[in-house]
């Protein structure tokens, strides 16, 4: 591993950055962008909020732009690791609940204070690294990832059941889309290296085949694409002027804690793959960059951003371990965020196709969480820390609407997110249940391979 200089940057990798050409950086950066599938969270959120095709396209456009800027911030001067930033799945249910009950303005306003707090914990307070070491061991991080996957599954499945049109047709399209995704992932993983691109393109391939199939049943409408412009400059608060409601702000602060747990796992993954030390300075810089990126996202109405560990796979495949392709990827995302016509194409993909992909992604998220958990001994104490949060998440997901609607707003926002309930349960149980020597993981955090995507 390279040695760190006074600025906290690994010198051996600085030389790698100098040797990577601009053309190669943009080519590898494009692969990073294609591997992210970052249009899925905003399109799911748009569906939960019942947005029009035009507003859905705008939300996707602003998300691309926010993620590009956040990536440039994080890789450029905050954390200085090759980390791509994308929209998190974690806050979707809570944001949908806030937006549906209090309006888009309250949803946007709820994102700002928590983002500022996360940034301050990184710099200038420099407390984030201490919090990570004390409160986010692998068993908590892994359980949270499992909870994210499980709590989002019902949303994907119910959307297929409740979609307009014939159930038989909708189920067939969703099933075919999911089957193409599973087949592409398997072929790309198991076949020779020349077919690895199939796994890289698996989501795009499944969405394309699913959309073509849906068009034969009259479920595709691209009319908004023709009327949209090719290029448009971004505008702040395009989806609504922020308003600030205490209940919404408090629940989003809790959600930000969960997002930070998620993204910390990604940082460990990228640190291992890129062979660069994740020291206190980088952890605190990462928190600053995460908070600043989330704040920028809130200005454009996008969801909170998080590090995407799927990009660690691109680093491993290409062998390019420096930040230049990541910075190029950030620039590509910013450019795409200024192309409304492209975003309208994405927004026109039928919901049953999107949810066919989303259901499988939930499975992938859940299983990646189990990859982290498997390093912790399955003692009675650890089984409680893992199992009870899963149960609590399902309790929140399955709570009847008439019950949740009768609760105070802040309680309703919490129980509307199975992820929030499960993650808070994992954090609390890990703190209050005494830990013995046989409960502790046998590997160190540096030896762990976190996976959140």
Protein backbone atom coordinates (compact mmCIF):
# COMPACT_ATOMS: atom_id res chain seq x y z
CA UNK A 1 0.00 0.00 0.00
CA UNK A 2 1.23 3.50 -0.74
CA UNK A 3 2.31 5.87 2.03
CA UNK A 4 0.21 8.87 2.98
CA UNK A 5 1.72 12.33 2.78
CA UNK A 6 0.76 15.26 5.04
CA UNK A 7 -2.29 16.02 2.93
CA UNK A 8 -3.63 12.54 3.60
CA UNK A 9 -3.35 11.40 -0.02
CA UNK A 10 -1.62 8.16 -0.89
CA UNK A 11 1.39 9.15 -2.94
CA UNK A 12 1.72 5.95 -4.93
CA UNK A 13 -1.76 6.47 -6.31
CA UNK A 14 -1.06 10.09 -7.21
CA UNK A 15 1.38 8.73 -9.78
CA UNK A 16 -1.36 6.47 -11.16
CA UNK A 17 -3.56 9.54 -11.65
CA UNK A 18 -0.82 11.31 -13.57
CA UNK A 19 -0.46 8.35 -15.93
CA UNK A 20 -4.16 7.96 -16.76
CA UNK A 21 -5.00 9.79 -19.98
CA UNK A 22 -8.06 11.98 -20.38
CA UNK A 23 -9.53 9.65 -22.99
CA UNK A 24 -9.08 6.56 -20.85
CA UNK A 25 -10.47 8.40 -17.80
CA UNK A 26 -13.69 9.29 -19.63
CA UNK A 27 -14.03 5.77 -21.08
CA UNK A 28 -13.68 4.14 -17.65
CA UNK A 29 -15.81 6.90 -16.11
CA UNK A 30 -18.61 6.05 -18.54
CA UNK A 31 -18.46 2.42 -17.38
CA UNK A 32 -18.83 3.62 -13.80
CA UNK A 33 -21.93 5.61 -14.78
CA UNK A 34 -23.47 2.65 -16.63
CA UNK A 35 -22.94 0.39 -13.62
CA UNK A 36 -24.87 2.66 -11.25
CA UNK A 37 -28.50 2.36 -12.39
CA UNK A 38 -29.09 5.59 -10.49
CA UNK A 39 -32.37 6.38 -12.25
CA UNK A 40 -34.12 3.58 -10.32
CA UNK A 41 -34.52 5.35 -6.91
CA UNK A 42 -35.97 8.61 -8.32
CA UNK A 43 -38.34 6.74 -10.61
CA UNK A 44 -39.52 4.63 -7.65
CA UNK A 45 -39.98 7.76 -5.53
CA UNK A 46 -41.89 9.43 -8.37
CA UNK A 47 -44.22 6.43 -8.50
CA UNK A 48 -44.81 6.56 -4.74
CA UNK A 49 -45.60 10.29 -5.03
CA UNK A 50 -47.82 9.73 -8.12
CA UNK A 51 -45.87 12.32 -10.12
CA UNK A 52 -46.66 12.99 -13.78
CA UNK A 53 -44.29 11.81 -16.51
CA UNK A 54 -42.96 15.35 -16.87
CA UNK A 55 -42.28 15.76 -13.14
CA UNK A 56 -40.80 12.26 -13.02
CA UNK A 57 -38.39 13.18 -15.81
CA UNK A 58 -37.50 16.38 -13.94
CA UNK A 59 -36.82 14.44 -10.73
CA UNK A 60 -34.57 12.01 -12.61
CA UNK A 61 -32.79 14.88 -14.33
CA UNK A 62 -32.14 16.71 -11.05
CA UNK A 63 -30.96 13.45 -9.46
CA UNK A 64 -28.36 12.91 -12.21
CA UNK A 65 -27.16 16.47 -11.78
CA UNK A 66 -26.99 16.27 -7.98
CA UNK A 67 -25.12 12.95 -8.08
CA UNK A 68 -22.61 14.34 -10.57
CA UNK A 69 -21.89 17.38 -8.40
CA UNK A 70 -21.74 15.23 -5.25
CA UNK A 71 -19.25 12.87 -6.94
CA UNK A 72 -17.01 15.78 -7.93
CA UNK A 73 -17.15 17.07 -4.35
CA UNK A 74 -16.40 13.71 -2.72
CA UNK A 75 -13.67 12.47 -5.05
CA UNK A 76 -12.29 15.90 -5.85
CA UNK A 77 -11.50 17.44 -2.48
CA UNK A 78 -13.53 15.93 0.39
CA UNK A 79 -12.69 12.24 0.83
CA UNK A 80 -10.28 11.94 -2.09
CA UNK A 81 -11.13 8.29 -2.75
CA UNK A 82 -12.55 6.92 -6.05
CA UNK A 83 -16.16 6.90 -4.79
CA UNK A 84 -19.15 7.53 -7.07
CA UNK A 85 -22.20 9.12 -5.43
CA UNK A 86 -25.72 7.97 -6.30
CA UNK A 87 -29.26 8.25 -4.87
CA UNK A 88 -29.93 6.09 -1.82
CA UNK A 89 -32.81 3.61 -1.62
CA UNK A 90 -32.98 4.08 2.18
CA UNK A 91 -35.07 7.29 2.40
CA UNK A 92 -37.64 6.47 -0.31
CA UNK A 93 -40.54 5.41 1.93
CA UNK A 94 -40.05 8.25 4.42
CA UNK A 95 -39.72 10.87 1.65
CA UNK A 96 -42.85 9.53 -0.03
CA UNK A 97 -44.76 9.76 3.26
CA UNK A 98 -43.61 13.36 3.84
CA UNK A 99 -44.29 14.42 0.24
CA UNK A 100 -47.72 12.78 0.17
CA UNK A 101 -48.93 14.26 3.46
CA UNK A 102 -47.18 17.63 3.65
CA UNK A 103 -46.22 18.39 0.03
CA UNK A 104 -43.05 18.50 -2.06
CA UNK A 105 -41.88 21.66 -0.29
CA UNK A 106 -41.82 19.91 3.08
CA UNK A 107 -40.06 16.92 1.54
CA UNK A 108 -37.31 19.13 0.09
CA UNK A 109 -36.99 21.19 3.28
CA UNK A 110 -36.65 18.06 5.40
CA UNK A 111 -33.44 17.13 3.56
CA UNK A 112 -31.42 20.24 4.37
CA UNK A 113 -30.79 20.33 8.16
CA UNK A 114 -29.67 16.70 8.36
CA UNK A 115 -27.26 17.17 5.45
CA UNK A 116 -25.70 20.18 7.16
CA UNK A 117 -25.34 18.22 10.42
CA UNK A 118 -23.55 15.32 8.71
CA UNK A 119 -21.17 17.75 7.01
CA UNK A 120 -20.39 19.50 10.32
CA UNK A 121 -19.69 16.17 12.06
CA UNK A 122 -17.01 15.57 9.43
CA UNK A 123 -15.56 19.08 9.31
CA UNK A 124 -14.93 21.13 11.35
CA UNK A 125 -16.01 18.99 14.35
CA UNK A 126 -14.08 15.89 13.19
CA UNK A 127 -16.31 13.61 15.27
CA UNK A 128 -17.53 11.29 12.53
CA UNK A 129 -14.61 8.85 12.61
CA UNK A 130 -15.07 8.35 16.37
CA UNK A 131 -18.80 7.68 15.88
CA UNK A 132 -18.10 5.09 13.16
CA UNK A 133 -15.63 3.14 15.29
CA UNK A 134 -17.94 3.12 18.33
CA UNK A 135 -21.44 2.63 16.92
CA UNK A 136 -21.19 1.05 13.43
CA UNK A 137 -19.56 -2.38 13.70
CA UNK A 138 -20.03 -4.84 10.82
CA UNK A 139 -23.01 -6.56 12.46
CA UNK A 140 -24.96 -3.27 12.53
CA UNK A 141 -23.94 -2.27 9.00
CA UNK A 142 -24.87 -5.68 7.62
CA UNK A 143 -28.21 -5.80 9.43
CA UNK A 144 -29.14 -2.36 8.12
CA UNK A 145 -28.38 -3.46 4.56
CA UNK A 146 -30.52 -6.57 5.01
CA UNK A 147 -33.34 -4.44 6.39
CA UNK A 148 -33.13 -2.06 3.41
CA UNK A 149 -33.65 -4.92 0.96
CA UNK A 150 -36.44 -6.62 2.90
CA UNK A 151 -38.40 -3.45 3.70
CA UNK A 152 -38.40 -2.29 0.07
CA UNK A 153 -39.58 -5.62 -1.39
CA UNK A 154 -43.30 -5.15 -0.61
CA UNK A 155 -43.31 -1.79 -2.42
CA UNK A 156 -42.02 -3.40 -5.61
CA UNK A 157 -44.38 -6.39 -5.41
CA UNK A 158 -47.49 -4.37 -4.48
CA UNK A 159 -46.82 -1.99 -7.37
CA UNK A 160 -47.03 -4.92 -9.78
CA UNK A 161 -50.32 -6.07 -8.23
CA UNK A 162 -51.86 -2.58 -8.23
CA UNK A 163 -50.70 -1.41 -11.68
CA UNK A 164 -53.38 -0.38 -14.16
CA UNK A 165 -54.48 -2.90 -16.76
CA UNK A 166 -54.68 -6.68 -16.76
CA UNK A 167 -52.91 -8.39 -13.87
CA UNK A 168 -51.95 -11.31 -16.10
CA UNK A 169 -50.24 -8.98 -18.58
CA UNK A 170 -48.53 -6.94 -15.87
CA UNK A 171 -47.28 -10.04 -14.10
CA UNK A 172 -45.96 -11.50 -17.36
CA UNK A 173 -44.04 -8.33 -18.21
CA UNK A 174 -42.61 -7.97 -14.69
CA UNK A 175 -41.66 -11.66 -14.60
CA UNK A 176 -39.97 -11.50 -18.00
CA UNK A 177 -38.06 -8.35 -17.04
CA UNK A 178 -36.86 -9.94 -13.80
CA UNK A 179 -35.91 -13.16 -15.61
CA UNK A 180 -33.80 -11.24 -18.15
CA UNK A 181 -32.04 -9.44 -15.30
CA UNK A 182 -31.31 -12.67 -13.41
CA UNK A 183 -30.13 -14.41 -16.60
CA UNK A 184 -27.87 -11.50 -17.54
CA UNK A 185 -26.32 -11.38 -14.07
CA UNK A 186 -25.69 -15.13 -14.12
CA UNK A 187 -24.25 -15.22 -17.66
CA UNK A 188 -22.00 -12.24 -16.97
CA UNK A 189 -20.73 -13.85 -13.78
CA UNK A 190 -20.20 -17.43 -15.00
CA UNK A 191 -19.05 -17.12 -18.62
CA UNK A 192 -15.76 -16.14 -20.19
CA UNK A 193 -14.35 -12.66 -19.76
CA UNK A 194 -15.60 -11.46 -23.16
CA UNK A 195 -19.19 -11.77 -21.88
CA UNK A 196 -18.61 -9.87 -18.63
CA UNK A 197 -20.18 -6.80 -20.22
CA UNK A 198 -23.57 -8.58 -20.06
CA UNK A 199 -23.53 -8.29 -16.27
CA UNK A 200 -22.45 -4.67 -16.49
CA UNK A 201 -25.36 -3.92 -18.84
CA UNK A 202 -27.84 -6.26 -17.14
CA UNK A 203 -30.23 -3.60 -15.80
CA UNK A 204 -30.29 -1.62 -19.04
CA UNK A 205 -30.77 -4.84 -21.04
CA UNK A 206 -33.67 -6.02 -18.86
CA UNK A 207 -35.36 -2.61 -18.92
CA UNK A 208 -35.03 -2.48 -22.71
CA UNK A 209 -36.51 -5.94 -23.29
CA UNK A 210 -39.24 -5.31 -20.72
CA UNK A 211 -40.20 -2.01 -22.35
CA UNK A 212 -40.27 -3.54 -25.85
CA UNK A 213 -42.51 -6.33 -24.53
CA UNK A 214 -44.79 -3.81 -22.80
CA UNK A 215 -45.12 -1.84 -26.05
CA UNK A 216 -46.84 -4.82 -27.69
CA UNK A 217 -49.56 -4.51 -25.03
CA UNK A 218 -49.95 -0.75 -25.48
CA UNK A 219 -48.35 0.14 -22.14
CA UNK A 220 -45.64 2.47 -23.46
CA UNK A 221 -46.19 6.16 -24.17
CA UNK A 222 -43.24 8.20 -25.43
CA UNK A 223 -45.30 11.28 -26.33
CA UNK A 224 -43.51 13.41 -23.71
CA UNK A 225 -40.15 12.67 -25.35
CA UNK A 226 -41.04 14.47 -28.57
CA UNK A 227 -42.10 17.64 -26.78
CA UNK A 228 -39.04 17.83 -24.47
CA UNK A 229 -35.88 19.76 -25.32
CA UNK A 230 -32.47 18.26 -25.89
CA UNK A 231 -30.68 20.62 -23.51
CA UNK A 232 -31.77 22.67 -20.51
CA UNK A 233 -29.89 24.41 -17.73
CA UNK A 234 -30.77 23.23 -14.22
CA UNK A 235 -32.89 25.32 -11.90
CA UNK A 236 -32.85 25.31 -8.11
CA UNK A 237 -36.05 24.19 -6.36
CA UNK A 238 -37.59 23.16 -9.68
CA UNK A 239 -39.86 20.69 -7.89
CA UNK A 240 -41.03 23.05 -5.17
CA UNK A 241 -39.94 25.77 -2.75
CA UNK A 242 -38.74 24.25 0.54
CA UNK A 243 -40.79 24.56 3.69
CA UNK A 244 -39.57 23.41 7.08
CA UNK A 245 -41.66 21.18 9.32
CA UNK A 246 -40.07 19.93 12.53
CA UNK A 247 -41.56 16.43 12.36
CA UNK A 248 -40.29 15.90 8.81
CA UNK A 249 -36.84 17.28 9.67
CA UNK A 250 -36.45 15.00 12.70
CA UNK A 251 -37.36 11.84 10.82
CA UNK A 252 -34.97 12.73 8.00
CA UNK A 253 -32.18 13.25 10.53
CA UNK A 254 -32.77 9.66 11.65
CA UNK A 255 -32.78 8.56 8.01
CA UNK A 256 -29.46 10.32 7.43
CA UNK A 257 -27.94 8.21 10.21
CA UNK A 258 -28.98 5.12 8.27
CA UNK A 259 -27.67 6.52 4.97
CA UNK A 260 -24.33 7.19 6.65
CA UNK A 261 -24.15 3.58 7.87
CA UNK A 262 -24.86 2.46 4.30
CA UNK A 263 -22.23 4.69 2.74
CA UNK A 264 -19.58 3.82 5.36
CA UNK A 265 -19.75 0.25 4.15
CA UNK A 266 -19.07 1.43 0.61
CA UNK A 267 -16.05 3.43 1.75
CA UNK A 268 -14.50 0.31 3.28
CA UNK A 269 -15.15 -1.59 0.05
CA UNK A 270 -13.54 1.06 -2.15
CA UNK A 271 -10.65 1.42 0.29
CA UNK A 272 -9.89 -2.29 -0.02
CA UNK A 273 -10.22 -2.44 -3.81
CA UNK A 274 -8.20 0.72 -4.46
CA UNK A 275 -5.58 -0.22 -1.84
CA UNK A 276 -5.81 3.15 -0.12
CA UNK A 277 -6.01 3.64 3.62
CA UNK A 278 -9.33 4.78 5.09
CA UNK A 279 -7.96 6.77 8.02
CA UNK A 280 -9.67 9.25 10.34
CA UNK A 281 -8.95 12.14 8.00
CA UNK A 282 -10.64 10.42 5.08
CA UNK A 283 -13.60 9.30 7.21
CA UNK A 284 -14.20 12.85 8.40
CA UNK A 285 -13.65 14.21 4.90
CA UNK A 286 -16.10 11.64 3.59
CA UNK A 287 -18.77 12.77 6.07
CA UNK A 288 -18.19 16.38 5.02
CA UNK A 289 -18.48 15.43 1.35
CA UNK A 290 -21.54 13.25 1.99
CA UNK A 291 -23.34 16.03 3.84
CA UNK A 292 -22.39 18.66 1.29
CA UNK A 293 -23.48 16.38 -1.57
CA UNK A 294 -26.82 15.69 0.11
CA UNK A 295 -27.35 19.41 0.63
CA UNK A 296 -26.68 20.08 -3.06
CA UNK A 297 -29.13 17.29 -3.88
CA UNK A 298 -31.81 18.94 -1.74
CA UNK A 299 -31.41 22.19 -3.69
CA UNK A 300 -32.38 20.32 -6.85
CA UNK A 301 -35.07 18.22 -5.18
CA UNK A 302 -33.16 14.95 -5.46
CA UNK A 303 -32.90 12.18 -2.88
CA UNK A 304 -29.95 11.97 -0.45
CA UNK A 305 -26.80 10.61 -2.07
CA UNK A 306 -24.65 7.71 -0.93
CA UNK A 307 -21.50 5.98 -2.09
CA UNK A 308 -22.13 3.17 -4.60
CA UNK A 309 -20.03 0.07 -3.96
CA UNK A 310 -21.00 -1.37 -7.36
CA UNK A 311 -18.30 0.95 -8.68
CA UNK A 312 -15.73 -0.96 -6.64
CA UNK A 313 -16.36 -3.84 -9.05
CA UNK A 314 -15.47 -1.59 -11.99
CA UNK A 315 -12.26 -0.60 -10.24
CA UNK A 316 -11.40 -4.27 -9.76
CA UNK A 317 -12.26 -5.20 -13.36
CA UNK A 318 -10.45 -2.29 -15.04
CA UNK A 319 -7.53 -2.08 -12.63
CA UNK A 320 -7.78 1.72 -12.70
CA UNK A 321 -7.69 2.63 -9.01
CA UNK A 322 -7.32 6.40 -9.07
CA UNK A 323 -9.84 9.25 -8.94
CA UNK A 324 -9.60 10.59 -12.48
CA UNK A 325 -12.21 8.21 -14.00
CA UNK A 326 -14.52 8.97 -11.05
CA UNK A 327 -14.18 12.70 -11.68
CA UNK A 328 -14.87 12.04 -15.36
CA UNK A 329 -17.95 10.04 -14.35
CA UNK A 330 -19.13 12.98 -12.25
CA UNK A 331 -18.80 15.27 -15.27
CA UNK A 332 -20.75 12.80 -17.41
CA UNK A 333 -23.56 12.75 -14.83
CA UNK A 334 -23.71 16.55 -14.79
CA UNK A 335 -23.91 16.59 -18.60
CA UNK A 336 -26.68 13.96 -18.62
CA UNK A 337 -28.54 16.01 -16.01
CA UNK A 338 -28.90 18.75 -18.59
CA UNK A 339 -30.60 16.52 -21.20
CA UNK A 340 -34.39 16.51 -20.58
CA UNK A 341 -35.18 14.42 -23.67
CA UNK A 342 -33.03 11.56 -22.38
CA UNK A 343 -34.69 11.79 -18.96
CA UNK A 344 -38.17 11.67 -20.52
CA UNK A 345 -37.21 8.42 -22.26
CA UNK A 346 -36.35 6.92 -18.87
CA UNK A 347 -39.50 8.34 -17.25
CA UNK A 348 -41.65 6.70 -19.94
CA UNK A 349 -40.57 3.17 -18.98
CA UNK A 350 -43.71 1.40 -17.65
CA UNK A 351 -43.97 0.95 -13.90
CA UNK A 352 -44.33 -2.84 -14.11
CA UNK A 353 -40.99 -3.01 -15.94
CA UNK A 354 -39.27 -0.81 -13.35
CA UNK A 355 -40.69 -2.84 -10.47
CA UNK A 356 -39.68 -6.12 -12.07
CA UNK A 357 -36.08 -4.88 -11.90
CA UNK A 358 -36.58 -3.24 -8.51
CA UNK A 359 -37.78 -6.49 -6.91
CA UNK A 360 -34.58 -8.30 -7.93
CA UNK A 361 -32.42 -5.37 -6.79
CA UNK A 362 -34.05 -5.67 -3.36
CA UNK A 363 -32.92 -9.31 -3.23
CA UNK A 364 -29.38 -8.30 -4.22
CA UNK A 365 -29.28 -5.60 -1.54
CA UNK A 366 -30.52 -8.04 1.11
CA UNK A 367 -28.00 -10.75 0.21
CA UNK A 368 -25.12 -8.26 0.23
CA UNK A 369 -26.11 -7.47 3.79
CA UNK A 370 -25.84 -11.14 4.69
CA UNK A 371 -22.33 -11.15 3.19
CA UNK A 372 -21.34 -8.62 5.84
CA UNK A 373 -23.18 -10.35 8.69
CA UNK A 374 -21.61 -13.75 8.01
CA UNK A 375 -18.35 -12.51 9.54
CA UNK A 376 -20.05 -12.16 12.95
CA UNK A 377 -20.47 -15.30 15.12
CA UNK A 378 -24.10 -16.44 15.33
CA UNK A 379 -24.36 -16.25 19.12
CA UNK A 380 -27.73 -15.71 20.82
CA UNK A 381 -26.92 -12.04 21.36
CA UNK A 382 -25.97 -11.48 17.72
CA UNK A 383 -29.03 -13.35 16.45
CA UNK A 384 -31.20 -10.94 18.43
CA UNK A 385 -29.32 -7.93 17.05
CA UNK A 386 -29.87 -9.26 13.51
CA UNK A 387 -33.31 -10.87 13.76
CA UNK A 388 -35.33 -8.42 15.84
CA UNK A 389 -34.61 -5.44 13.53
CA UNK A 390 -35.81 -7.53 10.56
CA UNK A 391 -39.00 -8.34 12.48
CA UNK A 392 -39.49 -4.68 13.45
CA UNK A 393 -39.00 -3.61 9.83
CA UNK A 394 -41.69 -6.03 8.70
CA UNK A 395 -43.95 -4.79 11.51
CA UNK A 396 -43.63 -1.28 10.08
CA UNK A 397 -44.08 -2.40 6.47
CA UNK A 398 -47.24 -4.39 7.24
CA UNK A 399 -48.92 -1.87 9.55
CA UNK A 400 -52.44 -1.06 8.23
CA UNK A 401 -52.84 2.37 6.62
CA UNK A 402 -55.71 3.33 8.92
CA UNK A 403 -53.47 2.70 11.95
CA UNK A 404 -50.45 4.63 10.64
CA UNK A 405 -52.62 7.55 9.49
CA UNK A 406 -54.02 7.94 13.01
CA UNK A 407 -50.55 8.39 14.51
CA UNK A 408 -48.77 11.75 15.11
CA UNK A 409 -46.85 12.90 12.04
CA UNK A 410 -43.35 12.13 13.29
CA UNK A 411 -44.38 8.62 14.39
CA UNK A 412 -46.17 8.07 11.08
CA UNK A 413 -43.07 9.12 9.13
CA UNK A 414 -40.94 6.65 11.12
CA UNK A 415 -43.27 3.66 10.77
CA UNK A 416 -43.78 4.44 7.07
CA UNK A 417 -40.15 3.45 6.59
CA UNK A 418 -39.37 -0.14 7.52
CA UNK A 419 -35.73 0.74 6.95
CA UNK A 420 -35.81 3.44 9.62
CA UNK A 421 -37.50 1.19 12.18
CA UNK A 422 -35.15 -1.73 11.51
CA UNK A 423 -31.97 0.35 11.47
CA UNK A 424 -32.82 2.18 14.69
CA UNK A 425 -33.58 -1.19 16.32
CA UNK A 426 -30.19 -2.56 15.23
CA UNK A 427 -28.32 0.45 16.59
CA UNK A 428 -30.16 0.39 19.93
CA UNK A 429 -29.89 -3.38 20.46
CA UNK A 430 -26.17 -3.39 19.66
CA UNK A 431 -25.64 -0.70 22.31
CA UNK A 432 -27.88 -2.00 25.12
CA UNK A 433 -27.15 -5.74 24.87
CA UNK A 434 -23.85 -6.56 26.63
CA UNK A 435 -21.24 -7.94 24.24
CA UNK A 436 -19.00 -10.81 25.28
CA UNK A 437 -15.81 -12.02 23.65
CA UNK A 438 -17.59 -14.81 21.75
CA UNK A 439 -19.98 -12.23 20.21
CA UNK A 440 -17.19 -10.30 18.52
CA UNK A 441 -16.26 -10.75 14.88
CA UNK A 442 -12.98 -12.53 14.31
CA UNK A 443 -11.90 -10.13 11.56
CA UNK A 444 -11.00 -6.48 11.80
CA UNK A 445 -12.84 -3.73 10.00
CA UNK A 446 -9.97 -3.36 7.54
CA UNK A 447 -10.35 -7.05 6.64
CA UNK A 448 -14.10 -6.73 6.10
CA UNK A 449 -15.52 -6.36 2.64
CA UNK A 450 -18.64 -4.28 2.90
CA UNK A 451 -21.17 -4.45 0.08
CA UNK A 452 -24.25 -2.21 -0.11
CA UNK A 453 -25.34 -2.51 -3.71
